[in-house]
Amino acid sequence: MAAEDLREEYAQYLQRFVTAIGEDVEVGAFAKFKGKLIKKLAAEEFGELHTEYHQLAAHYLESLDRGDTINDIVVKEVRELAAKLVLTAPV
């Protein structure tokens, strides 16, 4: 992903964070989202988790398309990464 696109994704994340949490906390601070304690990510942390989430979600969705049996651990990991990014997981 291009650096400019990632900056835009991070800006959207920051907006989602404030909207979903209901308050603006400092980067590195923790807040509750969907019953999980999540840390407000710095741009570098966000980039790493964003890449990891999209790779795992793509793998998961490809597996569903193939009709593979999905391990509950994979579903849990996708949901946890989505929560950290303040996203609604596709599962």
Protein backbone atom coordinates (compact mmCIF):
# COMPACT_ATOMS: atom_id res chain seq x y z
CA MET A 1 0.00 0.00 0.00
CA ALA A 2 1.28 3.45 -0.90
CA ALA A 3 2.40 5.69 1.94
CA GLU A 4 -0.26 8.28 1.08
CA ASP A 5 -2.99 5.63 1.14
CA LEU A 6 -1.76 4.37 4.49
CA ARG A 7 -1.81 7.92 5.89
CA GLU A 8 -5.43 8.22 4.75
CA GLU A 9 -6.29 4.86 6.34
CA TYR A 10 -4.67 6.04 9.58
CA ALA A 11 -6.68 9.28 9.50
CA GLN A 12 -9.85 7.22 9.04
CA TYR A 13 -8.79 4.98 11.95
CA LEU A 14 -8.33 8.00 14.20
CA GLN A 15 -11.82 9.21 13.29
CA ARG A 16 -13.32 5.74 13.87
CA PHE A 17 -11.56 5.59 17.22
CA VAL A 18 -13.10 8.86 18.45
CA THR A 19 -16.53 7.97 17.06
CA ALA A 20 -16.57 4.41 18.44
CA ILE A 21 -15.01 5.18 21.82
CA GLY A 22 -16.83 8.44 22.37
CA GLU A 23 -13.75 10.30 23.51
CA ASP A 24 -10.33 11.17 22.16
CA VAL A 25 -7.61 9.49 24.18
CA GLU A 26 -3.86 9.94 23.73
CA VAL A 27 -1.90 7.64 21.44
CA GLY A 28 -0.73 4.70 23.55
CA ALA A 29 -3.66 4.98 25.97
CA PHE A 30 -6.24 2.22 26.30
CA ALA A 31 -10.01 2.28 25.85
CA LYS A 32 -12.86 -0.24 25.61
CA PHE A 33 -14.26 -1.24 22.21
CA LYS A 34 -16.77 -4.09 21.80
CA GLY A 35 -15.85 -5.41 25.23
CA LYS A 36 -12.13 -5.46 24.44
CA LEU A 37 -9.44 -3.24 25.86
CA ILE A 38 -7.63 -1.71 22.89
CA LYS A 39 -4.69 0.65 22.63
CA LYS A 40 -4.86 3.77 20.49
CA LEU A 41 -2.18 3.06 17.93
CA ALA A 42 0.61 5.26 16.68
CA ALA A 43 0.91 5.49 12.89
CA GLU A 44 3.72 2.89 12.77
CA GLU A 45 1.80 0.39 14.88
CA PHE A 46 -1.32 0.98 12.81
CA GLY A 47 0.54 0.27 9.56
CA GLU A 48 1.79 -3.08 10.83
CA LEU A 49 -1.60 -4.18 12.19
CA HIS A 50 -3.42 -2.89 9.12
CA THR A 51 -1.24 -5.05 6.86
CA GLU A 52 -1.57 -8.08 9.16
CA TYR A 53 -5.36 -7.71 9.38
CA HIS A 54 -5.88 -7.40 5.63
CA GLN A 55 -3.59 -10.37 4.88
CA LEU A 56 -5.35 -12.56 7.45
CA ALA A 57 -8.84 -11.44 6.41
CA ALA A 58 -8.04 -12.09 2.74
CA HIS A 59 -6.72 -15.55 3.60
CA TYR A 60 -9.84 -16.23 5.67
CA LEU A 61 -12.24 -15.12 2.91
CA GLU A 62 -10.32 -17.13 0.28
CA SER A 63 -10.63 -20.18 2.52
CA LEU A 64 -14.38 -19.64 2.80
CA ASP A 65 -14.66 -19.36 -0.98
CA ARG A 66 -12.84 -22.69 -1.35
CA GLY A 67 -15.12 -24.30 1.24
CA ASP A 68 -12.25 -25.02 3.63
CA THR A 69 -12.95 -25.79 7.27
CA ILE A 70 -12.11 -22.70 9.30
CA ASN A 71 -10.38 -23.03 12.62
CA ASP A 72 -12.01 -21.03 15.43
CA ILE A 73 -8.59 -19.60 16.26
CA VAL A 74 -8.41 -17.91 12.84
CA VAL A 75 -11.84 -16.33 13.33
CA LYS A 76 -10.81 -15.14 16.79
CA GLU A 77 -7.58 -13.63 15.43
CA VAL A 78 -9.42 -11.77 12.64
CA ARG A 79 -11.89 -10.37 15.18
CA GLU A 80 -9.14 -9.32 17.58
CA LEU A 81 -7.18 -7.54 14.85
CA ALA A 82 -10.37 -5.86 13.64
CA ALA A 83 -11.07 -4.60 17.17
CA LYS A 84 -7.56 -3.17 17.45
CA LEU A 85 -8.19 -1.28 14.20
CA VAL A 86 -11.69 -0.28 15.37
CA LEU A 87 -13.23 -2.19 12.46
CA THR A 88 -16.21 -4.46 12.24
CA ALA A 89 -14.74 -7.84 11.36
CA PRO A 90 -16.11 -9.63 8.29
CA VAL A 91 -16.84 -12.63 10.53
